[in-house]
Amino acid sequence: MTVENVYNCWIPKNKEVNELAQHSDCIFCKIVSGDIPGAKVYEDEHVLAFLDISQVTEGHTLVIPKNHQENIYDLTEDDASHVFQAVPKVARALKQSFNISGLNMLNNNGEFAGQSVFHFHVHLLPRYDESDGFAAKWHTHADDYSAEKLQDIAKTIEANIQA
């Protein structure tokens, strides 16, 4: 099955995209430009949100900046602001559209973290119940960190915050 057959809702070709930073080999940039189809749920001047082709859960949506930035380390503060202004709008629409019990917001940065498309994106995963096909498991290591060790870690991070 081709991508063209998966989507019955096409994002039209966007002639104004040429002004944006695009990568010709990036599938998300191709969706932004309209060169390949996508099931758009939200769009403004800076952001595009569309259904993830994998649909881990029904309504699984990606929110991306239209400017190509590989990951959160490259993401400009302006584009971060635009993306995270759109995220609650899309999340509320998902809540109104489906009978969801919750929502996971997920972002992977780097191959080791599970990033497979190297264009910054936020996954919005509607949650229905325990059998909906998605599970995030966290293991606590709280016993390994004293209050002093946590303060040392915090100071290291704080020292590397750039304005």
N, C-alpha and C. Protein backbone atom coordinates (compact mmCIF):
# COMPACT_ATOMS: atom_id res chain seq x y z
N MET A 1 0.85 -1.17 0.00
CA MET A 1 0.00 0.00 0.00
C MET A 1 0.90 1.24 0.00
N THR A 2 0.59 2.17 -0.87
CA THR A 2 1.39 3.39 -0.96
C THR A 2 0.85 4.46 -0.02
N VAL A 3 1.68 5.46 0.24
CA VAL A 3 1.25 6.58 1.08
C VAL A 3 0.02 7.23 0.47
N GLU A 4 -0.02 7.33 -0.86
CA GLU A 4 -1.15 7.97 -1.52
C GLU A 4 -2.47 7.26 -1.21
N ASN A 5 -2.42 5.92 -1.05
CA ASN A 5 -3.63 5.17 -0.76
C ASN A 5 -4.05 5.27 0.70
N VAL A 6 -3.10 5.57 1.58
CA VAL A 6 -3.40 5.62 3.00
C VAL A 6 -4.24 6.84 3.34
N TYR A 7 -3.92 7.96 2.73
CA TYR A 7 -4.61 9.21 3.07
C TYR A 7 -5.66 9.56 2.03
N ASN A 8 -6.83 9.91 2.50
CA ASN A 8 -7.85 10.41 1.58
C ASN A 8 -7.99 11.92 1.74
N CYS A 9 -7.20 12.51 2.61
CA CYS A 9 -7.21 13.95 2.86
C CYS A 9 -5.82 14.48 2.51
N TRP A 10 -5.72 15.28 1.49
CA TRP A 10 -4.42 15.76 1.02
C TRP A 10 -4.14 17.16 1.52
N ILE A 11 -2.88 17.41 1.84
CA ILE A 11 -2.45 18.77 2.14
C ILE A 11 -2.06 19.38 0.80
N PRO A 12 -2.71 20.48 0.40
CA PRO A 12 -2.41 21.04 -0.92
C PRO A 12 -1.00 21.59 -1.00
N LYS A 13 -0.46 21.62 -2.22
CA LYS A 13 0.88 22.18 -2.44
C LYS A 13 0.91 23.62 -1.95
N ASN A 14 1.95 23.94 -1.20
CA ASN A 14 2.08 25.27 -0.60
C ASN A 14 3.19 26.02 -1.30
N LYS A 15 2.84 26.99 -2.12
CA LYS A 15 3.82 27.76 -2.90
C LYS A 15 4.66 28.67 -2.01
N GLU A 16 4.15 29.04 -0.82
CA GLU A 16 4.89 29.94 0.06
C GLU A 16 5.94 29.22 0.89
N VAL A 17 5.99 27.91 0.83
CA VAL A 17 6.93 27.13 1.63
C VAL A 17 8.37 27.40 1.23
N ASN A 18 8.60 27.86 0.00
CA ASN A 18 9.96 28.10 -0.47
C ASN A 18 10.74 29.02 0.45
N GLU A 19 10.06 29.90 1.18
CA GLU A 19 10.73 30.82 2.09
C GLU A 19 11.18 30.11 3.37
N LEU A 20 10.65 28.94 3.66
CA LEU A 20 10.99 28.22 4.88
C LEU A 20 12.24 27.38 4.67
N ALA A 21 12.91 27.10 5.77
CA ALA A 21 14.07 26.20 5.71
C ALA A 21 13.56 24.78 5.51
N GLN A 22 13.82 24.21 4.36
CA GLN A 22 13.34 22.88 4.01
C GLN A 22 14.51 21.98 3.61
N HIS A 23 14.35 20.69 3.81
CA HIS A 23 15.33 19.71 3.37
C HIS A 23 14.65 18.81 2.35
N SER A 24 15.25 18.68 1.19
CA SER A 24 14.61 17.94 0.10
C SER A 24 14.46 16.46 0.40
N ASP A 25 15.27 15.92 1.32
CA ASP A 25 15.17 14.50 1.63
C ASP A 25 14.37 14.22 2.90
N CYS A 26 13.71 15.24 3.45
CA CYS A 26 12.94 15.08 4.69
C CYS A 26 11.47 14.83 4.36
N ILE A 27 10.94 13.71 4.82
CA ILE A 27 9.54 13.38 4.52
C ILE A 27 8.58 14.41 5.11
N PHE A 28 8.89 14.96 6.28
CA PHE A 28 7.99 15.97 6.86
C PHE A 28 8.04 17.27 6.07
N CYS A 29 9.22 17.65 5.57
CA CYS A 29 9.31 18.84 4.72
C CYS A 29 8.49 18.63 3.44
N LYS A 30 8.49 17.40 2.93
CA LYS A 30 7.70 17.09 1.74
C LYS A 30 6.20 17.18 2.03
N ILE A 31 5.80 16.82 3.25
CA ILE A 31 4.39 16.97 3.64
C ILE A 31 4.05 18.45 3.76
N VAL A 32 4.95 19.24 4.38
CA VAL A 32 4.72 20.69 4.51
C VAL A 32 4.55 21.33 3.14
N SER A 33 5.40 20.95 2.18
CA SER A 33 5.36 21.56 0.85
C SER A 33 4.22 21.03 -0.01
N GLY A 34 3.59 19.92 0.41
CA GLY A 34 2.52 19.33 -0.37
C GLY A 34 3.01 18.37 -1.43
N ASP A 35 4.31 18.06 -1.41
CA ASP A 35 4.85 17.12 -2.40
C ASP A 35 4.39 15.69 -2.15
N ILE A 36 4.08 15.36 -0.91
CA ILE A 36 3.47 14.07 -0.60
C ILE A 36 2.26 14.34 0.28
N PRO A 37 1.29 13.43 0.29
CA PRO A 37 0.06 13.68 1.03
C PRO A 37 0.23 13.55 2.53
N GLY A 38 -0.66 14.20 3.24
CA GLY A 38 -0.73 14.09 4.68
C GLY A 38 -2.15 14.40 5.11
N ALA A 39 -2.58 13.81 6.20
CA ALA A 39 -3.93 14.04 6.72
C ALA A 39 -3.84 15.18 7.74
N LYS A 40 -3.97 16.41 7.23
CA LYS A 40 -3.81 17.62 8.04
C LYS A 40 -4.96 17.79 9.02
N VAL A 41 -4.62 18.12 10.27
CA VAL A 41 -5.65 18.45 11.26
C VAL A 41 -5.54 19.90 11.71
N TYR A 42 -4.37 20.54 11.52
CA TYR A 42 -4.18 21.93 11.93
C TYR A 42 -3.02 22.51 11.14
N GLU A 43 -3.17 23.79 10.77
CA GLU A 43 -2.06 24.47 10.09
C GLU A 43 -2.17 25.96 10.36
N ASP A 44 -1.03 26.58 10.60
CA ASP A 44 -0.93 28.02 10.62
C ASP A 44 0.36 28.40 9.89
N GLU A 45 0.78 29.63 10.01
CA GLU A 45 1.94 30.11 9.28
C GLU A 45 3.23 29.36 9.63
N HIS A 46 3.32 28.88 10.86
CA HIS A 46 4.58 28.30 11.35
C HIS A 46 4.52 26.81 11.65
N VAL A 47 3.33 26.25 11.79
CA VAL A 47 3.16 24.90 12.33
C VAL A 47 2.21 24.09 11.46
N LEU A 48 2.47 22.80 11.39
CA LEU A 48 1.56 21.86 10.73
C LEU A 48 1.34 20.69 11.68
N ALA A 49 0.09 20.25 11.80
CA ALA A 49 -0.24 19.05 12.57
C ALA A 49 -0.98 18.10 11.64
N PHE A 50 -0.56 16.85 11.65
CA PHE A 50 -1.16 15.85 10.76
C PHE A 50 -1.14 14.49 11.44
N LEU A 51 -2.00 13.59 10.96
CA LEU A 51 -2.07 12.26 11.54
C LEU A 51 -0.80 11.48 11.23
N ASP A 52 -0.28 10.80 12.24
CA ASP A 52 0.86 9.90 12.05
C ASP A 52 0.36 8.69 11.28
N ILE A 53 1.11 8.30 10.28
CA ILE A 53 0.70 7.17 9.44
C ILE A 53 0.61 5.88 10.24
N SER A 54 1.36 5.77 11.35
CA SER A 54 1.36 4.54 12.14
C SER A 54 0.10 4.39 13.00
N GLN A 55 -0.55 5.50 13.36
CA GLN A 55 -1.74 5.48 14.21
C GLN A 55 -1.58 4.48 15.37
N VAL A 56 -0.57 4.70 16.20
CA VAL A 56 -0.35 3.86 17.38
C VAL A 56 -1.65 3.75 18.17
N THR A 57 -2.34 4.87 18.33
CA THR A 57 -3.72 4.88 18.82
C THR A 57 -4.51 5.76 17.86
N GLU A 58 -5.83 5.55 17.79
CA GLU A 58 -6.64 6.34 16.86
C GLU A 58 -6.53 7.82 17.18
N GLY A 59 -6.17 8.61 16.17
CA GLY A 59 -6.01 10.04 16.34
C GLY A 59 -4.57 10.47 16.58
N HIS A 60 -3.64 9.52 16.63
CA HIS A 60 -2.21 9.81 16.85
C HIS A 60 -1.77 10.89 15.87
N THR A 61 -1.39 12.04 16.42
CA THR A 61 -1.11 13.24 15.63
C THR A 61 0.31 13.73 15.88
N LEU A 62 0.94 14.25 14.83
CA LEU A 62 2.26 14.87 14.93
C LEU A 62 2.11 16.37 14.76
N VAL A 63 2.80 17.14 15.58
CA VAL A 63 2.83 18.59 15.48
C VAL A 63 4.27 18.98 15.19
N ILE A 64 4.48 19.69 14.06
CA ILE A 64 5.84 20.01 13.63
C ILE A 64 5.97 21.50 13.29
N PRO A 65 7.18 22.04 13.43
CA PRO A 65 7.43 23.37 12.87
C PRO A 65 7.57 23.21 11.36
N LYS A 66 7.12 24.18 10.60
CA LYS A 66 7.30 24.10 9.15
C LYS A 66 8.76 24.26 8.77
N ASN A 67 9.51 25.02 9.54
CA ASN A 67 10.95 25.12 9.31
C ASN A 67 11.60 23.81 9.73
N HIS A 68 12.51 23.32 8.91
CA HIS A 68 13.20 22.08 9.22
C HIS A 68 14.23 22.31 10.32
N GLN A 69 14.04 21.62 11.42
CA GLN A 69 15.02 21.57 12.50
C GLN A 69 15.05 20.12 12.96
N GLU A 70 16.25 19.56 13.04
CA GLU A 70 16.39 18.13 13.24
C GLU A 70 15.81 17.64 14.56
N ASN A 71 16.06 18.36 15.64
CA ASN A 71 15.63 17.88 16.95
C ASN A 71 15.51 19.07 17.91
N ILE A 72 15.24 18.78 19.15
CA ILE A 72 15.04 19.85 20.13
C ILE A 72 16.29 20.67 20.35
N TYR A 73 17.46 20.09 20.11
CA TYR A 73 18.71 20.82 20.29
C TYR A 73 18.89 21.89 19.22
N ASP A 74 18.28 21.70 18.06
CA ASP A 74 18.35 22.66 16.96
C ASP A 74 17.15 23.61 16.95
N LEU A 75 16.09 23.28 17.67
CA LEU A 75 14.84 24.02 17.63
C LEU A 75 15.04 25.45 18.15
N THR A 76 14.64 26.43 17.34
CA THR A 76 14.74 27.82 17.79
C THR A 76 13.66 28.10 18.83
N GLU A 77 13.89 29.10 19.65
CA GLU A 77 12.89 29.46 20.65
C GLU A 77 11.59 29.92 19.99
N ASP A 78 11.70 30.62 18.87
CA ASP A 78 10.50 31.06 18.15
C ASP A 78 9.69 29.87 17.66
N ASP A 79 10.36 28.91 17.02
CA ASP A 79 9.63 27.74 16.52
C ASP A 79 9.09 26.90 17.67
N ALA A 80 9.84 26.80 18.77
CA ALA A 80 9.34 26.08 19.94
C ALA A 80 8.06 26.73 20.45
N SER A 81 8.06 28.05 20.51
CA SER A 81 6.88 28.79 20.96
C SER A 81 5.68 28.51 20.06
N HIS A 82 5.91 28.53 18.76
CA HIS A 82 4.81 28.27 17.82
C HIS A 82 4.28 26.84 17.96
N VAL A 83 5.19 25.87 18.04
CA VAL A 83 4.76 24.48 18.18
C VAL A 83 3.95 24.30 19.46
N PHE A 84 4.47 24.83 20.57
CA PHE A 84 3.81 24.59 21.84
C PHE A 84 2.60 25.49 22.07
N GLN A 85 2.36 26.46 21.19
CA GLN A 85 1.08 27.16 21.18
C GLN A 85 0.04 26.31 20.46
N ALA A 86 0.48 25.54 19.47
CA ALA A 86 -0.44 24.70 18.70
C ALA A 86 -0.79 23.41 19.44
N VAL A 87 0.13 22.87 20.22
CA VAL A 87 -0.08 21.57 20.87
C VAL A 87 -1.37 21.55 21.71
N PRO A 88 -1.64 22.52 22.59
CA PRO A 88 -2.89 22.44 23.36
C PRO A 88 -4.14 22.55 22.50
N LYS A 89 -4.07 23.32 21.41
CA LYS A 89 -5.22 23.43 20.50
C LYS A 89 -5.55 22.07 19.91
N VAL A 90 -4.51 21.39 19.43
CA VAL A 90 -4.72 20.08 18.82
C VAL A 90 -5.15 19.06 19.88
N ALA A 91 -4.54 19.12 21.06
CA ALA A 91 -4.90 18.20 22.14
C ALA A 91 -6.38 18.36 22.52
N ARG A 92 -6.84 19.60 22.62
CA ARG A 92 -8.25 19.83 22.95
C ARG A 92 -9.16 19.29 21.84
N ALA A 93 -8.74 19.45 20.59
CA ALA A 93 -9.54 18.92 19.48
C ALA A 93 -9.61 17.39 19.54
N LEU A 94 -8.49 16.76 19.90
CA LEU A 94 -8.49 15.29 20.05
C LEU A 94 -9.45 14.88 21.16
N LYS A 95 -9.42 15.60 22.26
CA LYS A 95 -10.31 15.28 23.39
C LYS A 95 -11.77 15.43 22.99
N GLN A 96 -12.09 16.47 22.21
CA GLN A 96 -13.48 16.68 21.78
C GLN A 96 -13.90 15.69 20.71
N SER A 97 -12.95 15.19 19.94
CA SER A 97 -13.27 14.32 18.81
C SER A 97 -13.45 12.86 19.19
N PHE A 98 -12.77 12.44 20.25
CA PHE A 98 -12.77 11.03 20.63
C PHE A 98 -13.09 10.90 22.11
N ASN A 99 -13.56 9.75 22.49
CA ASN A 99 -13.84 9.47 23.90
C ASN A 99 -12.55 8.97 24.56
N ILE A 100 -11.62 9.91 24.80
CA ILE A 100 -10.32 9.50 25.32
C ILE A 100 -10.28 9.64 26.84
N SER A 101 -9.45 8.79 27.44
CA SER A 101 -9.28 8.81 28.90
C SER A 101 -8.07 9.64 29.30
N GLY A 102 -7.21 9.95 28.34
CA GLY A 102 -6.00 10.73 28.60
C GLY A 102 -5.26 10.95 27.31
N LEU A 103 -4.07 11.53 27.42
CA LEU A 103 -3.27 11.81 26.23
C LEU A 103 -1.79 11.81 26.64
N ASN A 104 -0.97 11.13 25.85
CA ASN A 104 0.48 11.20 26.05
C ASN A 104 1.06 12.15 25.02
N MET A 105 1.95 13.03 25.48
CA MET A 105 2.71 13.90 24.60
C MET A 105 4.14 13.38 24.64
N LEU A 106 4.69 13.07 23.47
CA LEU A 106 5.99 12.41 23.40
C LEU A 106 6.86 13.08 22.36
N ASN A 107 8.15 13.20 22.67
CA ASN A 107 9.12 13.74 21.73
C ASN A 107 10.40 12.95 21.88
N ASN A 108 10.91 12.40 20.79
CA ASN A 108 12.15 11.64 20.78
C ASN A 108 13.23 12.45 20.09
N ASN A 109 14.42 12.51 20.69
CA ASN A 109 15.53 13.28 20.13
C ASN A 109 16.75 12.39 20.00
N GLY A 110 17.11 12.11 18.77
CA GLY A 110 18.25 11.24 18.49
C GLY A 110 17.81 9.81 18.28
N GLU A 111 18.59 9.10 17.49
CA GLU A 111 18.26 7.71 17.15
C GLU A 111 18.14 6.84 18.40
N PHE A 112 19.05 7.01 19.36
CA PHE A 112 19.01 6.19 20.57
C PHE A 112 17.70 6.38 21.34
N ALA A 113 17.14 7.58 21.27
CA ALA A 113 15.88 7.87 21.97
C ALA A 113 14.65 7.46 21.16
N GLY A 114 14.86 6.92 19.97
CA GLY A 114 13.74 6.44 19.17
C GLY A 114 13.31 7.37 18.06
N GLN A 115 14.05 8.45 17.81
CA GLN A 115 13.68 9.35 16.71
C GLN A 115 13.97 8.66 15.39
N SER A 116 12.97 8.59 14.53
CA SER A 116 13.14 7.94 13.23
C SER A 116 13.03 8.92 12.07
N VAL A 117 12.34 10.03 12.28
CA VAL A 117 12.29 11.11 11.28
C VAL A 117 12.99 12.30 11.91
N PHE A 118 14.04 12.77 11.25
CA PHE A 118 14.89 13.78 11.85
C PHE A 118 14.46 15.19 11.45
N HIS A 119 13.22 15.49 11.83
CA HIS A 119 12.58 16.80 11.75
C HIS A 119 11.82 16.89 13.06
N PHE A 120 12.11 17.88 13.88
CA PHE A 120 11.49 17.97 15.21
C PHE A 120 9.99 17.76 15.11
N HIS A 121 9.46 16.94 16.01
CA HIS A 121 8.02 16.72 16.05
C HIS A 121 7.59 16.25 17.44
N VAL A 122 6.36 16.57 17.76
CA VAL A 122 5.73 16.16 19.01
C VAL A 122 4.61 15.19 18.65
N HIS A 123 4.63 14.03 19.29
CA HIS A 123 3.55 13.05 19.13
C HIS A 123 2.46 13.35 20.15
N LEU A 124 1.23 13.39 19.71
CA LEU A 124 0.08 13.45 20.61
C LEU A 124 -0.66 12.12 20.45
N LEU A 125 -0.65 11.34 21.52
CA LEU A 125 -1.22 9.99 21.49
C LEU A 125 -2.46 9.93 22.38
N PRO A 126 -3.65 9.95 21.77
CA PRO A 126 -4.86 9.79 22.57
C PRO A 126 -4.83 8.43 23.27
N ARG A 127 -5.28 8.41 24.51
CA ARG A 127 -5.30 7.16 25.28
C ARG A 127 -6.74 6.79 25.58
N TYR A 128 -7.06 5.53 25.34
CA TYR A 128 -8.42 5.05 25.51
C TYR A 128 -8.56 4.13 26.72
N ASP A 129 -7.72 3.13 26.79
CA ASP A 129 -7.69 2.21 27.94
C ASP A 129 -6.37 1.44 27.90
N GLU A 130 -6.22 0.48 28.80
CA GLU A 130 -4.97 -0.26 28.90
C GLU A 130 -4.65 -1.08 27.65
N SER A 131 -5.65 -1.38 26.85
CA SER A 131 -5.44 -2.22 25.68
C SER A 131 -5.33 -1.43 24.38
N ASP A 132 -5.06 -0.12 24.47
CA ASP A 132 -5.06 0.72 23.26
C ASP A 132 -3.78 0.63 22.43
N GLY A 133 -2.81 -0.15 22.87
CA GLY A 133 -1.62 -0.36 22.04
C GLY A 133 -0.42 0.49 22.39
N PHE A 134 -0.51 1.30 23.44
CA PHE A 134 0.63 2.12 23.83
C PHE A 134 0.84 2.00 25.32
N ALA A 135 2.10 1.86 25.72
CA ALA A 135 2.42 1.80 27.14
C ALA A 135 3.77 2.45 27.38
N ALA A 136 3.81 3.37 28.31
CA ALA A 136 5.08 3.98 28.72
C ALA A 136 5.37 3.48 30.13
N LYS A 137 6.51 2.86 30.29
CA LYS A 137 6.90 2.31 31.60
C LYS A 137 8.10 3.07 32.13
N TRP A 138 7.99 3.59 33.33
CA TRP A 138 9.08 4.31 33.98
C TRP A 138 9.53 3.51 35.18
N HIS A 139 10.82 3.45 35.36
CA HIS A 139 11.40 2.78 36.52
C HIS A 139 12.10 3.83 37.36
N THR A 140 11.73 3.93 38.61
CA THR A 140 12.31 4.94 39.48
C THR A 140 13.70 4.52 39.98
N HIS A 141 14.54 5.50 40.10
CA HIS A 141 15.88 5.31 40.67
C HIS A 141 16.06 6.27 41.84
N ALA A 142 14.96 6.65 42.46
CA ALA A 142 14.98 7.64 43.54
C ALA A 142 15.92 7.23 44.68
N ASP A 143 15.99 5.95 44.97
CA ASP A 143 16.85 5.50 46.06
C ASP A 143 18.33 5.68 45.76
N ASP A 144 18.68 5.87 44.48
CA ASP A 144 20.08 6.05 44.09
C ASP A 144 20.55 7.49 44.20
N TYR A 145 19.65 8.43 44.49
CA TYR A 145 19.99 9.85 44.48
C TYR A 145 19.62 10.52 45.79
N SER A 146 20.63 10.96 46.50
CA SER A 146 20.41 11.73 47.73
C SER A 146 20.02 13.15 47.35
N ALA A 147 19.53 13.90 48.32
CA ALA A 147 19.20 15.31 48.07
C ALA A 147 20.45 16.07 47.63
N GLU A 148 21.59 15.75 48.21
CA GLU A 148 22.85 16.40 47.83
C GLU A 148 23.22 16.09 46.38
N LYS A 149 23.08 14.84 45.98
CA LYS A 149 23.39 14.44 44.60
C LYS A 149 22.44 15.15 43.62
N LEU A 150 21.17 15.26 43.98
CA LEU A 150 20.22 15.96 43.12
C LEU A 150 20.60 17.43 42.98
N GLN A 151 21.03 18.06 44.06
CA GLN A 151 21.47 19.46 44.00
C GLN A 151 22.70 19.61 43.11
N ASP A 152 23.63 18.66 43.19
CA ASP A 152 24.82 18.71 42.33
C ASP A 152 24.44 18.61 40.86
N ILE A 153 23.52 17.71 40.55
CA ILE A 153 23.06 17.55 39.17
C ILE A 153 22.36 18.83 38.71
N ALA A 154 21.51 19.39 39.56
CA ALA A 154 20.79 20.62 39.22
C ALA A 154 21.76 21.76 38.94
N LYS A 155 22.81 21.88 39.75
CA LYS A 155 23.80 22.95 39.56
C LYS A 155 24.54 22.78 38.23
N THR A 156 24.86 21.55 37.87
CA THR A 156 25.54 21.30 36.60
C THR A 156 24.66 21.73 35.43
N ILE A 157 23.40 21.34 35.48
CA ILE A 157 22.47 21.71 34.40
C ILE A 157 22.28 23.22 34.37
N GLU A 158 22.05 23.82 35.53
CA GLU A 158 21.83 25.27 35.61
C GLU A 158 23.01 26.04 35.02
N ALA A 159 24.22 25.56 35.27
CA ALA A 159 25.42 26.24 34.77
C ALA A 159 25.51 26.20 33.24
N ASN A 160 24.80 25.26 32.64
CA ASN A 160 24.85 25.12 31.18
C ASN A 160 23.63 25.69 30.47
N ILE A 161 22.71 26.30 31.21
CA ILE A 161 21.56 26.97 30.59
C ILE A 161 22.06 28.22 29.87
N GLN A 162 21.69 28.34 28.61
CA GLN A 162 22.10 29.51 27.82
C GLN A 162 20.90 30.40 27.59
N ALA A 163 21.14 31.69 27.72
CA ALA A 163 20.05 32.67 27.55
C ALA A 163 19.55 32.70 26.13
